[in-house]
Amino acid sequence: MTTRAVATGIGHYLPERVVENSWFEEFLDTSDEWIRTRSGIERRHFAAEGETTSRMAAHASRAALDSAGITANDIDAVIVATSTPDLTFPSVATMVQNELGMTRGFGFDIQAVCAGFIYALSTANAMIVSGQAQRILVIGAETFSRIMDWEDRSTCVLFGDGAGALVLEARSGSGNASDRGVLATDLNSDGRYREMLYVDGGVSTSGTAGKLRMQGNPLFRQAVAKLAATADAALGKAGLGHDDVDWIVPHQANIRIIQGTAKKLDVPMEKVVVTVQDHGNTSAASIPLALSVAVSEGKIRPGQLLVAEAIGGGLAWGAVVLRW
């Protein structure tokens, strides 16, 4: 028998404040049509004053725990993917532990920007397969509205806030691609592309959080090629092909990137989960948010094969093949 990390619960949280594209027209030379045409985004959610990454992560976690039918003290570890922590330290994961009343196990954060949830999911899978943990709460949570330059119309219209959480649990499998759970992962990074997407501040440079900077067109070209390649690599490791895929759950950055990647993979858009129109780019939160919404809508069902893929600053990118 083979140990598999199986998804047993999913949940998400979005702040109450919904920001339509028209809001930006009040202070930027932009329009709803301009934003929709270039990104596919129609609206996004912004965290309220005092609403932090850890609080949103805790909300999503409670929903995931309820979905799995377990309590916080049934969890062995909490892994949070985020680039917008509440504080420089301690980790958001330990804050989530406290919010949930979790008095056992351990927690830590992973920072791989928009690819963070893929990295966290891969890490959690490795820990479960190796026997270090039986149940892990894997979370993506971001408050990107706090690092926007509100004078830069090319970036500030793209991002939103939110959180998604997934419960992974050790289960026995047969060792083949019919098993439920994580079947393969593929992780990559290349620091030569740092200038394409970064934040211009930090503890050891400016002592401030800084603002997000992005080179949109070069990043687009890198994204489509690298996302298709990592999805192919992960499927190959699982001994599967494009025809085996029921759903692609991509990082919700831009509808053009999503469409371009699907075309390169020769997967119809009918098999792609798309939530970018309602959430914007929520960085590490985007895949668990999209996954949770698709499950709640009855699109994703047990036994279906999913490919989740993402790319973010670093550049860092990767994919996970998961049977739901």
Protein backbone atom coordinates (compact mmCIF):
# COMPACT_ATOMS: atom_id res chain seq x y z
CA MET A 1 0.00 0.00 0.00
CA THR A 2 1.02 3.60 -0.61
CA THR A 3 0.38 6.62 1.62
CA ARG A 4 -1.43 9.41 -0.17
CA ALA A 5 -2.21 12.96 0.99
CA VAL A 6 -5.95 13.18 0.33
CA ALA A 7 -8.04 16.37 0.40
CA THR A 8 -10.80 15.87 2.97
CA GLY A 9 -11.99 19.46 3.51
CA ILE A 10 -11.99 22.82 1.74
CA GLY A 11 -13.09 26.33 2.66
CA HIS A 12 -12.56 29.98 1.80
CA TYR A 13 -13.13 33.50 3.05
CA LEU A 14 -13.55 36.81 1.25
CA PRO A 15 -13.73 40.24 2.92
CA GLU A 16 -17.12 41.94 2.91
CA ARG A 17 -15.99 44.95 0.90
CA VAL A 18 -16.47 44.39 -2.83
CA VAL A 19 -14.66 46.83 -5.11
CA GLU A 20 -16.01 47.15 -8.64
CA ASN A 21 -13.80 48.34 -11.49
CA SER A 22 -15.68 51.64 -11.57
CA TRP A 23 -14.17 52.56 -8.18
CA PHE A 24 -10.78 53.11 -9.80
CA GLU A 25 -12.26 55.59 -12.28
CA GLU A 26 -12.56 58.08 -9.42
CA PHE A 27 -8.80 58.60 -9.12
CA LEU A 28 -7.10 56.87 -12.08
CA ASP A 29 -7.08 57.30 -15.84
CA THR A 30 -8.76 53.95 -16.39
CA SER A 31 -12.17 52.41 -17.02
CA ASP A 32 -14.17 49.29 -16.38
CA GLU A 33 -13.78 48.34 -20.05
CA TRP A 34 -9.99 48.86 -19.96
CA ILE A 35 -9.61 46.62 -16.90
CA ARG A 36 -11.98 43.89 -18.14
CA THR A 37 -10.41 43.78 -21.60
CA ARG A 38 -6.85 43.42 -20.34
CA SER A 39 -7.39 41.20 -17.30
CA GLY A 40 -10.89 39.73 -17.22
CA ILE A 41 -11.35 41.22 -13.76
CA GLU A 42 -14.71 42.81 -12.90
CA ARG A 43 -14.43 43.16 -9.13
CA ARG A 44 -12.29 42.16 -6.17
CA HIS A 45 -12.53 42.13 -2.35
CA PHE A 46 -10.48 44.40 -0.07
CA ALA A 47 -9.87 43.69 3.61
CA ALA A 48 -11.40 46.07 6.12
CA GLU A 49 -9.28 48.19 8.43
CA GLY A 50 -7.86 45.84 11.07
CA GLU A 51 -8.70 42.76 9.01
CA THR A 52 -5.42 40.88 8.72
CA THR A 53 -4.06 37.97 6.73
CA SER A 54 -4.15 35.71 9.81
CA ARG A 55 -7.79 36.51 10.56
CA MET A 56 -8.86 35.76 7.00
CA ALA A 57 -6.80 32.57 7.09
CA ALA A 58 -8.52 31.52 10.31
CA HIS A 59 -11.98 32.11 8.79
CA ALA A 60 -11.11 29.95 5.77
CA SER A 61 -9.60 27.32 8.05
CA ARG A 62 -12.76 27.00 10.13
CA ALA A 63 -14.74 26.41 6.95
CA ALA A 64 -12.25 23.76 5.81
CA LEU A 65 -12.31 22.01 9.20
CA ASP A 66 -16.12 21.98 9.16
CA SER A 67 -16.03 20.55 5.66
CA ALA A 68 -13.70 17.77 6.84
CA GLY A 69 -15.77 17.12 9.96
CA ILE A 70 -12.84 17.58 12.33
CA THR A 71 -11.59 20.10 14.90
CA ALA A 72 -8.42 22.16 15.07
CA ASN A 73 -6.85 19.77 17.57
CA ASP A 74 -7.15 16.95 15.03
CA ILE A 75 -4.59 18.84 12.92
CA ASP A 76 -0.85 18.09 13.20
CA ALA A 77 0.46 21.09 11.28
CA VAL A 78 -0.53 24.40 9.75
CA ILE A 79 1.24 25.68 6.64
CA VAL A 80 0.38 29.16 5.41
CA ALA A 81 1.41 30.45 1.99
CA THR A 82 1.54 34.26 2.05
CA SER A 83 3.60 37.24 0.95
CA THR A 84 1.63 39.66 3.14
CA PRO A 85 2.03 38.47 6.74
CA ASP A 86 0.58 40.40 9.67
CA LEU A 87 4.07 40.98 11.08
CA THR A 88 7.66 40.30 10.07
CA PHE A 89 7.46 37.58 12.72
CA PRO A 90 6.00 35.45 14.20
CA SER A 91 4.51 33.43 11.37
CA VAL A 92 0.92 33.75 10.25
CA ALA A 93 0.61 29.99 10.82
CA THR A 94 1.20 30.32 14.56
CA MET A 95 -1.34 33.14 14.69
CA VAL A 96 -3.85 30.88 12.96
CA GLN A 97 -3.10 28.17 15.50
CA ASN A 98 -3.96 30.61 18.27
CA GLU A 99 -7.11 31.86 16.52
CA LEU A 100 -8.32 28.28 16.14
CA GLY A 101 -7.49 27.34 19.73
CA MET A 102 -5.04 24.73 18.48
CA THR A 103 -2.70 23.66 21.30
CA ARG A 104 -0.75 20.88 19.59
CA GLY A 105 1.32 20.39 16.47
CA PHE A 106 3.34 23.06 14.66
CA GLY A 107 3.01 25.79 12.05
CA PHE A 108 5.12 27.76 9.61
CA ASP A 109 4.81 30.05 6.58
CA ILE A 110 5.96 29.61 2.99
CA GLN A 111 6.76 32.57 0.74
CA ALA A 112 6.67 31.90 -2.99
CA VAL A 113 4.31 34.77 -3.89
CA CYS A 114 1.58 33.61 -6.30
CA ALA A 115 3.05 30.11 -6.46
CA GLY A 116 2.97 29.88 -2.67
CA PHE A 117 -0.02 27.56 -2.36
CA ILE A 118 1.53 25.09 -4.83
CA TYR A 119 4.74 25.11 -2.78
CA ALA A 120 2.76 24.69 0.46
CA LEU A 121 0.69 21.85 -0.96
CA SER A 122 3.82 20.10 -2.20
CA THR A 123 5.49 20.52 1.21
CA ALA A 124 2.44 19.21 3.05
CA ASN A 125 2.27 16.21 0.71
CA ALA A 126 5.93 15.38 1.38
CA MET A 127 5.41 15.57 5.14
CA ILE A 128 2.38 13.29 5.02
CA VAL A 129 3.98 10.76 2.69
CA SER A 130 7.10 10.65 4.90
CA GLY A 131 5.01 10.11 8.03
CA GLN A 132 5.85 13.41 9.75
CA ALA A 133 2.18 14.35 9.96
CA GLN A 134 -1.23 12.74 9.47
CA ARG A 135 -3.38 15.82 8.92
CA ILE A 136 -2.20 19.21 7.68
CA LEU A 137 -4.10 22.44 7.20
CA VAL A 138 -2.75 24.10 4.04
CA ILE A 139 -3.72 27.76 3.64
CA GLY A 140 -3.23 30.53 1.09
CA ALA A 141 -4.03 34.00 2.43
CA GLU A 142 -3.19 37.53 1.26
CA THR A 143 -3.93 41.20 1.87
CA PHE A 144 -2.33 42.55 -1.30
CA SER A 145 -4.37 45.74 -1.05
CA ARG A 146 -1.84 46.83 1.59
CA ILE A 147 1.11 46.83 -0.84
CA MET A 148 -0.52 48.55 -3.83
CA ASP A 149 0.73 51.75 -5.42
CA TRP A 150 -2.60 53.47 -6.00
CA GLU A 151 -1.06 55.72 -8.66
CA ASP A 152 0.03 52.78 -10.83
CA ARG A 153 -2.98 51.82 -12.92
CA SER A 154 -1.16 48.85 -14.46
CA THR A 155 -0.96 47.01 -11.13
CA CYS A 156 -3.36 48.32 -8.50
CA VAL A 157 -6.46 47.29 -10.48
CA LEU A 158 -5.36 43.66 -10.63
CA PHE A 159 -5.13 42.48 -7.03
CA GLY A 160 -7.52 41.55 -4.24
CA ASP A 161 -7.61 40.02 -0.77
CA GLY A 162 -8.88 36.69 0.52
CA ALA A 163 -8.02 33.26 1.87
CA GLY A 164 -8.55 29.60 1.08
CA ALA A 165 -7.75 26.50 3.12
CA LEU A 166 -7.46 22.78 2.43
CA VAL A 167 -7.27 19.83 4.83
CA LEU A 168 -4.88 17.10 3.68
CA GLU A 169 -5.04 13.72 5.42
CA ALA A 170 -2.97 10.54 5.16
CA ARG A 171 -4.90 7.74 3.48
CA SER A 172 -3.86 4.40 2.03
CA GLY A 173 -3.74 4.06 -1.74
CA SER A 174 -2.86 1.40 -4.28
CA GLY A 175 0.10 3.33 -5.64
CA ASN A 176 -1.31 4.04 -9.08
CA ALA A 177 -2.93 7.04 -10.76
CA SER A 178 -6.42 5.93 -9.75
CA ASP A 179 -5.69 6.84 -6.12
CA ARG A 180 -7.32 9.85 -4.51
CA GLY A 181 -4.93 12.52 -3.27
CA VAL A 182 -1.76 14.20 -4.49
CA LEU A 183 -0.31 12.14 -7.35
CA ALA A 184 2.60 14.35 -8.44
CA THR A 185 4.18 17.76 -7.92
CA ASP A 186 6.60 19.91 -9.91
CA LEU A 187 8.36 22.98 -8.45
CA ASN A 188 10.65 25.49 -10.16
CA SER A 189 12.27 28.89 -9.63
CA ASP A 190 14.69 31.17 -11.47
CA GLY A 191 15.99 34.31 -9.78
CA ARG A 192 17.15 35.88 -13.05
CA TYR A 193 13.59 37.14 -13.59
CA ARG A 194 13.28 39.03 -10.28
CA GLU A 195 12.65 42.42 -11.89
CA MET A 196 9.47 41.20 -13.61
CA LEU A 197 7.52 41.07 -10.34
CA TYR A 198 8.73 42.30 -6.98
CA VAL A 199 8.04 44.61 -4.03
CA ASP A 200 10.42 47.56 -3.71
CA GLY A 201 10.90 47.35 0.05
CA GLY A 202 11.76 44.99 2.86
CA VAL A 203 13.28 44.67 6.32
CA SER A 204 16.94 44.53 5.26
CA THR A 205 16.68 47.11 2.47
CA SER A 206 14.25 49.91 3.25
CA GLY A 207 12.78 48.82 6.58
CA THR A 208 9.34 49.24 5.03
CA ALA A 209 6.89 46.89 3.32
CA GLY A 210 7.29 48.61 -0.05
CA LYS A 211 4.98 48.60 -3.08
CA LEU A 212 4.39 46.03 -5.78
CA ARG A 213 6.14 46.52 -9.14
CA MET A 214 5.48 44.48 -12.27
CA GLN A 215 6.60 44.24 -15.90
CA GLY A 216 3.34 43.01 -17.38
CA ASN A 217 4.17 42.03 -20.96
CA PRO A 218 7.42 40.13 -20.29
CA LEU A 219 5.78 38.39 -17.34
CA PHE A 220 2.84 37.30 -19.52
CA ARG A 221 5.15 35.61 -22.01
CA GLN A 222 7.07 33.80 -19.29
CA ALA A 223 3.87 32.78 -17.49
CA VAL A 224 2.14 30.97 -20.34
CA ALA A 225 5.20 28.96 -21.35
CA LYS A 226 6.25 28.05 -17.82
CA LEU A 227 2.74 27.17 -16.59
CA ALA A 228 2.12 24.83 -19.51
CA ALA A 229 5.54 23.22 -19.05
CA THR A 230 5.13 22.63 -15.31
CA ALA A 231 1.63 21.19 -15.78
CA ASP A 232 3.01 18.81 -18.40
CA ALA A 233 5.89 17.83 -16.11
CA ALA A 234 3.59 17.07 -13.18
CA LEU A 235 1.23 15.02 -15.37
CA GLY A 236 4.21 13.12 -16.77
CA LYS A 237 5.42 12.26 -13.26
CA ALA A 238 1.96 10.85 -12.52
CA GLY A 239 1.93 8.85 -15.77
CA LEU A 240 -1.03 10.85 -17.06
CA GLY A 241 -1.83 13.02 -20.06
CA HIS A 242 -4.02 15.96 -21.04
CA ASP A 243 -6.99 13.72 -21.84
CA ASP A 244 -7.02 12.44 -18.25
CA VAL A 245 -7.61 15.92 -16.82
CA ASP A 246 -11.10 16.79 -15.59
CA TRP A 247 -10.27 20.29 -14.33
CA ILE A 248 -7.42 22.75 -14.46
CA VAL A 249 -7.44 25.00 -11.39
CA PRO A 250 -5.03 27.78 -12.34
CA HIS A 251 -3.65 30.74 -10.47
CA GLN A 252 -6.21 33.48 -11.13
CA ALA A 253 -3.91 36.24 -12.33
CA ASN A 254 -5.25 37.28 -15.70
CA ILE A 255 -7.83 35.74 -18.05
CA ARG A 256 -5.40 36.01 -20.96
CA ILE A 257 -2.77 33.96 -19.12
CA ILE A 258 -5.41 31.40 -18.15
CA GLN A 259 -6.66 31.13 -21.73
CA GLY A 260 -3.16 31.04 -23.19
CA THR A 261 -2.08 28.25 -20.85
CA ALA A 262 -5.21 26.19 -21.56
CA LYS A 263 -4.63 26.56 -25.29
CA LYS A 264 -0.99 25.49 -24.96
CA LEU A 265 -2.12 22.43 -22.97
CA ASP A 266 -4.87 21.73 -25.52
CA VAL A 267 -7.49 21.74 -22.76
CA PRO A 268 -10.85 23.42 -23.49
CA MET A 269 -11.85 26.36 -21.32
CA GLU A 270 -14.91 24.36 -20.25
CA LYS A 271 -12.48 22.33 -18.14
CA VAL A 272 -10.83 25.37 -16.53
CA VAL A 273 -12.00 26.84 -13.22
CA VAL A 274 -12.19 30.64 -13.61
CA THR A 275 -12.90 33.04 -10.73
CA VAL A 276 -10.60 35.92 -11.69
CA GLN A 277 -13.61 38.04 -12.67
CA ASP A 278 -14.87 38.09 -9.06
CA HIS A 279 -11.66 37.92 -7.01
CA GLY A 280 -8.91 39.54 -9.05
CA ASN A 281 -5.40 38.25 -8.39
CA THR A 282 -5.28 37.10 -4.76
CA SER A 283 -1.76 35.68 -5.12
CA ALA A 284 -1.23 32.59 -2.92
CA ALA A 285 -4.93 32.57 -2.01
CA SER A 286 -6.18 32.32 -5.59
CA ILE A 287 -5.96 28.55 -6.15
CA PRO A 288 -7.59 27.46 -2.86
CA LEU A 289 -10.24 30.18 -3.35
CA ALA A 290 -11.01 28.96 -6.87
CA LEU A 291 -10.97 25.34 -5.73
CA SER A 292 -13.33 26.01 -2.84
CA VAL A 293 -15.77 27.93 -5.03
CA ALA A 294 -15.76 25.17 -7.67
CA VAL A 295 -16.42 22.50 -5.03
CA SER A 296 -19.23 24.53 -3.47
CA GLU A 297 -20.83 24.96 -6.90
CA GLY A 298 -20.72 21.21 -7.52
CA LYS A 299 -18.30 21.46 -10.45
CA ILE A 300 -15.51 19.45 -8.83
CA ARG A 301 -16.59 16.01 -7.63
CA PRO A 302 -14.84 13.11 -5.85
CA GLY A 303 -12.64 11.05 -8.13
CA GLN A 304 -12.00 13.81 -10.66
CA LEU A 305 -8.45 14.62 -11.71
CA LEU A 306 -7.26 18.20 -11.12
CA VAL A 307 -4.15 20.07 -12.20
CA ALA A 308 -3.36 23.20 -10.19
CA GLU A 309 -0.62 25.50 -11.50
CA ALA A 310 0.75 28.92 -10.59
CA ILE A 311 3.60 31.35 -11.22
CA GLY A 312 4.72 34.30 -9.13
CA GLY A 313 7.58 36.58 -8.24
CA GLY A 314 11.00 35.04 -8.07
CA LEU A 315 10.15 33.82 -10.59
CA ALA A 316 8.71 30.78 -8.84
CA TRP A 317 6.28 28.38 -10.48
CA GLY A 318 4.91 24.87 -10.17
CA ALA A 319 2.03 22.44 -10.50
CA VAL A 320 0.26 19.74 -8.51
CA VAL A 321 -1.74 16.81 -9.88
CA LEU A 322 -4.48 15.86 -7.43
CA ARG A 323 -7.36 13.41 -7.62
CA TRP A 324 -10.23 14.89 -5.62
